[in-house]
C-alpha atoms as a PDB file:
ATOM      1  CA  MET A   1       6.367  14.999  -4.867  1.00  0.00           C
ATOM      2  CA  ARG A   2       2.690  14.538  -4.072  1.00  0.00           C
ATOM      3  CA  LEU A   3       3.604  12.658  -0.901  1.00  0.00           C
ATOM      4  CA  LEU A   4       5.782  15.532   0.263  1.00  0.00           C
ATOM      5  CA  LEU A   5       3.092  18.083  -0.449  1.00  0.00           C
ATOM      6  CA  VAL A   6       0.088  16.206   0.958  1.00  0.00           C
ATOM      7  CA  VAL A   7       1.661  14.593   4.039  1.00  0.00           C
ATOM      8  CA  PRO A   8       5.065  16.188   4.695  1.00  0.00           C
ATOM      9  CA  TRP A   9       5.071  14.381   8.071  1.00  0.00           C
ATOM     10  CA  TRP A  10       5.057  11.007   6.279  1.00  0.00           C
ATOM     11  CA  ARG A  11       8.269   9.793   7.953  1.00  0.00           C
ATOM     12  CA  ASP A  12       6.480   9.735  11.308  1.00  0.00           C
ATOM     13  CA  CYS A  13       3.542   7.666  10.020  1.00  0.00           C
ATOM     14  CA  GLN A  14       3.584   4.237  11.611  1.00  0.00           C
ATOM     15  CA  ASP A  15       0.211   2.796  10.636  1.00  0.00           C
ATOM     16  CA  PHE A  16      -0.601   5.004   7.594  1.00  0.00           C
ATOM     17  CA  SER A  17      -4.067   5.899   8.929  1.00  0.00           C
ATOM     18  CA  ASP A  18      -5.996   9.132   8.435  1.00  0.00           C
ATOM     19  CA  GLU A  19      -6.354   9.485  12.208  1.00  0.00           C
ATOM     20  CA  GLU A  20      -2.615   9.187  12.790  1.00  0.00           C
ATOM     21  CA  SER A  21      -1.922  11.601   9.948  1.00  0.00           C
ATOM     22  CA  ARG A  22      -4.357  14.194  11.368  1.00  0.00           C
ATOM     23  CA  GLU A  23      -2.571  14.011  14.739  1.00  0.00           C
ATOM     24  CA  LEU A  24       0.828  14.411  13.091  1.00  0.00           C
ATOM     25  CA  GLU A  25      -0.503  17.262  10.976  1.00  0.00           C
ATOM     26  CA  ALA A  26      -1.652  19.121  14.092  1.00  0.00           C
ATOM     27  CA  GLU A  27       1.844  18.821  15.582  1.00  0.00           C
ATOM     28  CA  TYR A  28       3.447  19.832  12.293  1.00  0.00           C
ATOM     29  CA  LEU A  29       1.225  22.900  11.939  1.00  0.00           C
ATOM     30  CA  GLU A  30       2.234  24.131  15.371  1.00  0.00           C
ATOM     31  CA  ASP A  31       5.744  24.659  14.001  1.00  0.00           C
ATOM     32  CA  MET A  32       4.814  25.518  10.410  1.00  0.00           C
ATOM     33  CA  PRO A  33       1.339  27.098  10.319  1.00  0.00           C
ATOM     34  CA  ASP A  34       1.676  28.260   6.701  1.00  0.00           C
ATOM     35  CA  VAL A  35       2.117  24.771   5.232  1.00  0.00           C
ATOM     36  CA  ALA A  36      -1.247  24.790   3.430  1.00  0.00           C
ATOM     37  CA  ALA A  37      -0.469  28.032   1.594  1.00  0.00           C
ATOM     38  CA  GLY A  38       2.979  26.797   0.619  1.00  0.00           C
ATOM     39  CA  ARG A  39       1.513  23.474  -0.513  1.00  0.00           C
ATOM     40  CA  ALA A  40      -0.969  25.215  -2.778  1.00  0.00           C
ATOM     41  CA  ARG A  41       1.705  27.475  -4.303  1.00  0.00           C
ATOM     42  CA  ALA A  42       4.095  24.553  -4.887  1.00  0.00           C
ATOM     43  CA  ALA A  43       1.396  22.371  -6.461  1.00  0.00           C
ATOM     44  CA  ALA A  44       0.323  25.208  -8.759  1.00  0.00           C
ATOM     45  CA  ALA A  45       3.917  25.969  -9.763  1.00  0.00           C
ATOM     46  CA  LEU A  46       4.510  22.299 -10.576  1.00  0.00           C
ATOM     47  CA  GLY A  47       1.167  21.842 -12.312  1.00  0.00           C
ATOM     48  CA  LEU A  48       0.156  19.087  -9.906  1.00  0.00           C
ATOM     49  CA  GLU A  49      -3.294  18.098  -8.792  1.00  0.00           C
ATOM     50  CA  LEU A  50      -3.001  16.830  -5.256  1.00  0.00           C
ATOM     51  CA  PRO A  51      -4.830  13.654  -4.245  1.00  0.00           C
ATOM     52  CA  ASP A  52      -6.563  13.402  -0.895  1.00  0.00           C
ATOM     53  CA  ARG A  53      -4.673  12.303   2.189  1.00  0.00           C
ATOM     54  CA  SER A  54      -6.158   8.785   2.302  1.00  0.00           C
ATOM     55  CA  THR A  55      -5.048   8.090  -1.285  1.00  0.00           C
ATOM     56  CA  VAL A  56      -1.503   9.241  -0.527  1.00  0.00           C
ATOM     57  CA  LEU A  57      -1.346   7.223   2.711  1.00  0.00           C
ATOM     58  CA  ALA A  58      -2.609   4.098   0.937  1.00  0.00           C
ATOM     59  CA  ARG A  59       0.117   4.444  -1.703  1.00  0.00           C
ATOM     60  CA  LEU A  60       2.751   5.075   0.978  1.00  0.00           C
ATOM     61  CA  SER A  61       1.638   1.950   2.811  1.00  0.00           C
ATOM     62  CA  GLU A  62       1.791  -0.081  -0.397  1.00  0.00           C
ATOM     63  CA  VAL A  63       5.287   1.098  -1.243  1.00  0.00           C
ATOM     64  CA  ALA A  64       6.594   0.729   2.308  1.00  0.00           C
ATOM     65  CA  THR A  65       5.127  -2.678   3.077  1.00  0.00           C
ATOM     66  CA  ARG A  66       4.370  -4.549  -0.131  1.00  0.00           C
ATOM     67  CA  LEU A  67       6.461  -3.408  -3.059  1.00  0.00           C
ATOM     68  CA  GLY A  68       9.704  -3.741  -1.117  1.00  0.00           C
ATOM     69  CA  LYS A  69       9.347  -7.513  -1.170  1.00  0.00           C
ATOM     70  CA  ASP A  70      10.013  -7.389  -4.915  1.00  0.00           C
ATOM     71  CA  TYR A  71      13.339  -5.596  -4.548  1.00  0.00           C
ATOM     72  CA  VAL A  72      16.696  -6.541  -3.080  1.00  0.00           C
ATOM     73  CA  LEU A  73      18.988  -3.997  -1.488  1.00  0.00           C
ATOM     74  CA  ILE A  74      22.379  -4.772  -2.980  1.00  0.00           C
ATOM     75  CA  PHE A  75      24.535  -2.600  -0.764  1.00  0.00           C
ATOM     76  CA  THR A  76      23.819  -1.067   2.598  1.00  0.00           C
ATOM     77  CA  PRO A  77      25.062   2.408   3.548  1.00  0.00           C
ATOM     78  CA  GLU A  78      28.002   0.697   5.229  1.00  0.00           C
ATOM     79  CA  GLY A  79      28.995  -0.890   1.915  1.00  0.00           C
ATOM     80  CA  ASN A  80      28.198  -4.460   2.932  1.00  0.00           C
ATOM     81  CA  PRO A  81      25.958  -6.714   0.842  1.00  0.00           C
ATOM     82  CA  TYR A  82      22.482  -7.030   2.283  1.00  0.00           C
ATOM     83  CA  GLU A  83      21.614 -10.363   3.863  1.00  0.00           C
ATOM     84  CA  PRO A  84      17.958 -10.894   4.777  1.00  0.00           C
ATOM     85  CA  LEU A  85      17.275 -11.925   8.356  1.00  0.00           C
ATOM     86  CA  PHE A  86      14.600 -14.357   7.285  1.00  0.00           C
ATOM     87  CA  ALA A  87      14.345 -16.485   4.187  1.00  0.00           C
ATOM     88  CA  ALA A  88      11.360 -15.761   1.983  1.00  0.00           C
END
């Protein structure tokens, strides 16, 4: 939930950097200028303290690039067993 509130543009992050996130935020705010107010209301309603952007991006990077090595996708959306392209 914190990821969605702090960096709702997370799906477009390629290198998980603050600079990249600031650029994506600027684009995002062009379409949704009231994001900050909505973020604050949602966090308050959920009783969440929001971490800073760099903390959230570091965690996103960890989950996306490191933790996945410890898990195996059993079935793909097509219903076929996953076969890694490269052996570990």
